[in-house]
């Protein structure tokens, strides 16, 4: 407020998305963020309010699917970096019901979840081929009952 870029704001809203694979680490991160916001508010003689939007405990990916995904990506690209996503990954609501893993395509300049996000076609093609490998590996894994 007043929603004019050249004016000194009367209100500033910030959302904070914290992720960790360990619930204790996540709790410590939250506590540290609250302490930092309280300290900054006091130093700058402003108020700070926290509003709870949503929270779940960490929900890790299925270890077997994670292994198969890593194999598929490595076979296609020569590397398989892991991106721990923590509790708020897009598949979090499916984890209690089925084995889950996620595979990501490389975004230009590392930008994701914003209007500038873009993935070059060669990266998409590699990701699609890696995804197909993962599907084939998963079918074989299920068929063998391993």
Protein backbone atom coordinates (compact mmCIF):
# COMPACT_ATOMS: atom_id res chain seq x y z
CA UNK A 1 0.00 0.00 0.00
CA UNK A 2 -0.46 2.47 -1.68
CA UNK A 3 0.69 0.26 -4.59
CA UNK A 4 2.69 3.03 -6.25
CA UNK A 5 6.32 2.14 -6.96
CA UNK A 6 7.66 5.61 -6.12
CA UNK A 7 5.84 5.89 -2.78
CA UNK A 8 7.10 4.73 0.60
CA UNK A 9 4.93 1.71 1.36
CA UNK A 10 2.65 1.63 4.36
CA UNK A 11 2.35 -2.16 4.14
CA UNK A 12 4.66 -4.81 2.73
CA UNK A 13 3.59 -8.44 2.42
CA UNK A 14 6.07 -11.27 1.97
CA UNK A 15 5.38 -14.96 1.65
CA UNK A 16 7.99 -17.42 2.85
CA UNK A 17 8.24 -20.94 1.43
CA UNK A 18 10.63 -23.02 3.51
CA UNK A 19 11.64 -26.55 2.56
CA UNK A 20 13.75 -29.19 4.25
CA UNK A 21 13.78 -32.97 4.18
CA UNK A 22 14.09 -33.17 7.98
CA UNK A 23 11.18 -31.93 10.14
CA UNK A 24 13.57 -30.69 12.87
CA UNK A 25 15.54 -28.64 10.35
CA UNK A 26 12.32 -27.21 8.95
CA UNK A 27 11.15 -26.25 12.44
CA UNK A 28 14.50 -24.59 13.20
CA UNK A 29 14.35 -22.66 9.92
CA UNK A 30 10.88 -21.37 10.80
CA UNK A 31 11.96 -20.33 14.29
CA UNK A 32 15.05 -18.53 12.93
CA UNK A 33 12.97 -16.70 10.32
CA UNK A 34 10.52 -15.50 12.97
CA UNK A 35 13.36 -14.37 15.23
CA UNK A 36 15.01 -12.49 12.35
CA UNK A 37 11.76 -10.77 11.36
CA UNK A 38 11.09 -9.76 14.97
CA UNK A 39 14.63 -8.40 15.31
CA UNK A 40 14.41 -6.42 12.04
CA UNK A 41 10.99 -5.05 12.95
CA UNK A 42 12.28 -3.87 16.32
CA UNK A 43 15.41 -2.29 14.79
CA UNK A 44 13.31 -0.43 12.23
CA UNK A 45 10.44 0.42 14.58
CA UNK A 46 7.81 -1.32 12.47
CA UNK A 47 5.33 -4.08 13.14
CA UNK A 48 5.49 -7.59 11.79
CA UNK A 49 2.69 -10.14 11.62
CA UNK A 50 2.87 -13.81 10.72
CA UNK A 51 -0.07 -15.55 9.09
CA UNK A 52 -0.05 -19.33 8.76
CA UNK A 53 -1.00 -20.36 5.21
CA UNK A 54 -0.20 -24.06 5.00
CA UNK A 55 2.14 -26.62 6.52
CA UNK A 56 2.85 -30.30 6.12
CA UNK A 57 5.59 -32.55 7.40
CA UNK A 58 8.33 -33.48 4.92
CA UNK A 59 7.17 -36.11 2.45
CA UNK A 60 10.14 -37.74 0.74
CA UNK A 61 10.06 -39.37 -2.67
CA UNK A 62 9.98 -43.15 -3.05
CA UNK A 63 13.58 -44.49 -2.79
CA UNK A 64 13.13 -47.04 -5.62
CA UNK A 65 11.59 -44.50 -8.00
CA UNK A 66 14.27 -42.00 -7.03
CA UNK A 67 16.97 -44.56 -7.92
CA UNK A 68 15.28 -45.38 -11.25
CA UNK A 69 14.84 -41.70 -12.06
CA UNK A 70 18.48 -41.00 -11.29
CA UNK A 71 19.54 -43.89 -13.56
CA UNK A 72 17.31 -42.67 -16.40
CA UNK A 73 18.57 -39.10 -16.20
CA UNK A 74 22.22 -40.18 -15.94
CA UNK A 75 21.85 -42.48 -18.97
CA UNK A 76 20.35 -39.66 -21.03
CA UNK A 77 22.47 -36.72 -19.89
CA UNK A 78 25.59 -38.16 -18.26
CA UNK A 79 24.72 -36.53 -14.94
CA UNK A 80 21.88 -36.75 -12.43
CA UNK A 81 21.92 -33.89 -9.95
CA UNK A 82 19.48 -34.28 -7.08
CA UNK A 83 17.21 -31.40 -6.18
CA UNK A 84 15.79 -32.12 -2.74
CA UNK A 85 12.40 -30.47 -2.78
CA UNK A 86 11.30 -30.98 0.78
CA UNK A 87 7.73 -30.99 2.01
CA UNK A 88 6.06 -28.66 -0.46
CA UNK A 89 6.95 -30.34 -3.73
CA UNK A 90 4.18 -30.50 -6.32
CA UNK A 91 3.53 -34.19 -5.65
CA UNK A 92 3.28 -33.89 -1.84
CA UNK A 93 -0.42 -34.74 -1.73
CA UNK A 94 0.15 -37.96 -3.70
CA UNK A 95 2.92 -39.33 -1.44
CA UNK A 96 0.56 -40.88 1.16
CA UNK A 97 -1.26 -42.77 -1.61
CA UNK A 98 1.41 -44.03 -4.01
CA UNK A 99 5.13 -44.09 -4.78
CA UNK A 100 6.19 -40.69 -6.13
CA UNK A 101 9.23 -39.11 -7.76
CA UNK A 102 9.67 -35.92 -9.78
CA UNK A 103 11.94 -35.17 -12.72
CA UNK A 104 12.79 -31.60 -13.66
CA UNK A 105 13.79 -29.97 -16.94
CA UNK A 106 16.51 -27.33 -16.88
CA UNK A 107 15.09 -23.80 -17.00
CA UNK A 108 17.00 -20.97 -18.65
CA UNK A 109 18.98 -18.97 -16.10
CA UNK A 110 17.59 -21.21 -13.36
CA UNK A 111 14.31 -19.27 -13.34
CA UNK A 112 11.27 -21.28 -12.30
CA UNK A 113 7.68 -20.56 -11.29
CA UNK A 114 7.75 -17.07 -12.82
CA UNK A 115 6.74 -15.42 -16.08
CA UNK A 116 10.38 -15.42 -17.27
CA UNK A 117 10.64 -19.21 -16.98
CA UNK A 118 11.70 -20.85 -20.23
CA UNK A 119 13.16 -24.22 -21.15
CA UNK A 120 14.99 -24.49 -24.47
CA UNK A 121 13.67 -27.21 -26.80
CA UNK A 122 16.87 -29.31 -26.65
CA UNK A 123 16.51 -29.45 -22.85
CA UNK A 124 12.85 -30.43 -23.17
CA UNK A 125 13.74 -33.16 -25.66
CA UNK A 126 16.41 -34.59 -23.31
CA UNK A 127 13.97 -34.48 -20.42
CA UNK A 128 11.28 -36.25 -22.44
CA UNK A 129 13.75 -38.98 -23.43
CA UNK A 130 14.85 -39.36 -19.79
CA UNK A 131 11.19 -39.51 -18.75
CA UNK A 132 10.55 -42.28 -21.29
CA UNK A 133 13.54 -44.19 -19.86
CA UNK A 134 12.06 -43.77 -16.38
CA UNK A 135 8.68 -45.10 -17.55
CA UNK A 136 10.36 -48.13 -19.14
CA UNK A 137 12.47 -48.79 -16.03
CA UNK A 138 9.41 -48.45 -13.78
CA UNK A 139 7.38 -50.89 -15.87
CA UNK A 140 10.26 -53.38 -15.79
CA UNK A 141 10.67 -52.87 -12.02
CA UNK A 142 6.96 -53.53 -11.39
CA UNK A 143 6.86 -56.49 -13.80
CA UNK A 144 9.79 -58.15 -12.02
CA UNK A 145 8.22 -57.44 -8.65
CA UNK A 146 11.45 -55.97 -7.34
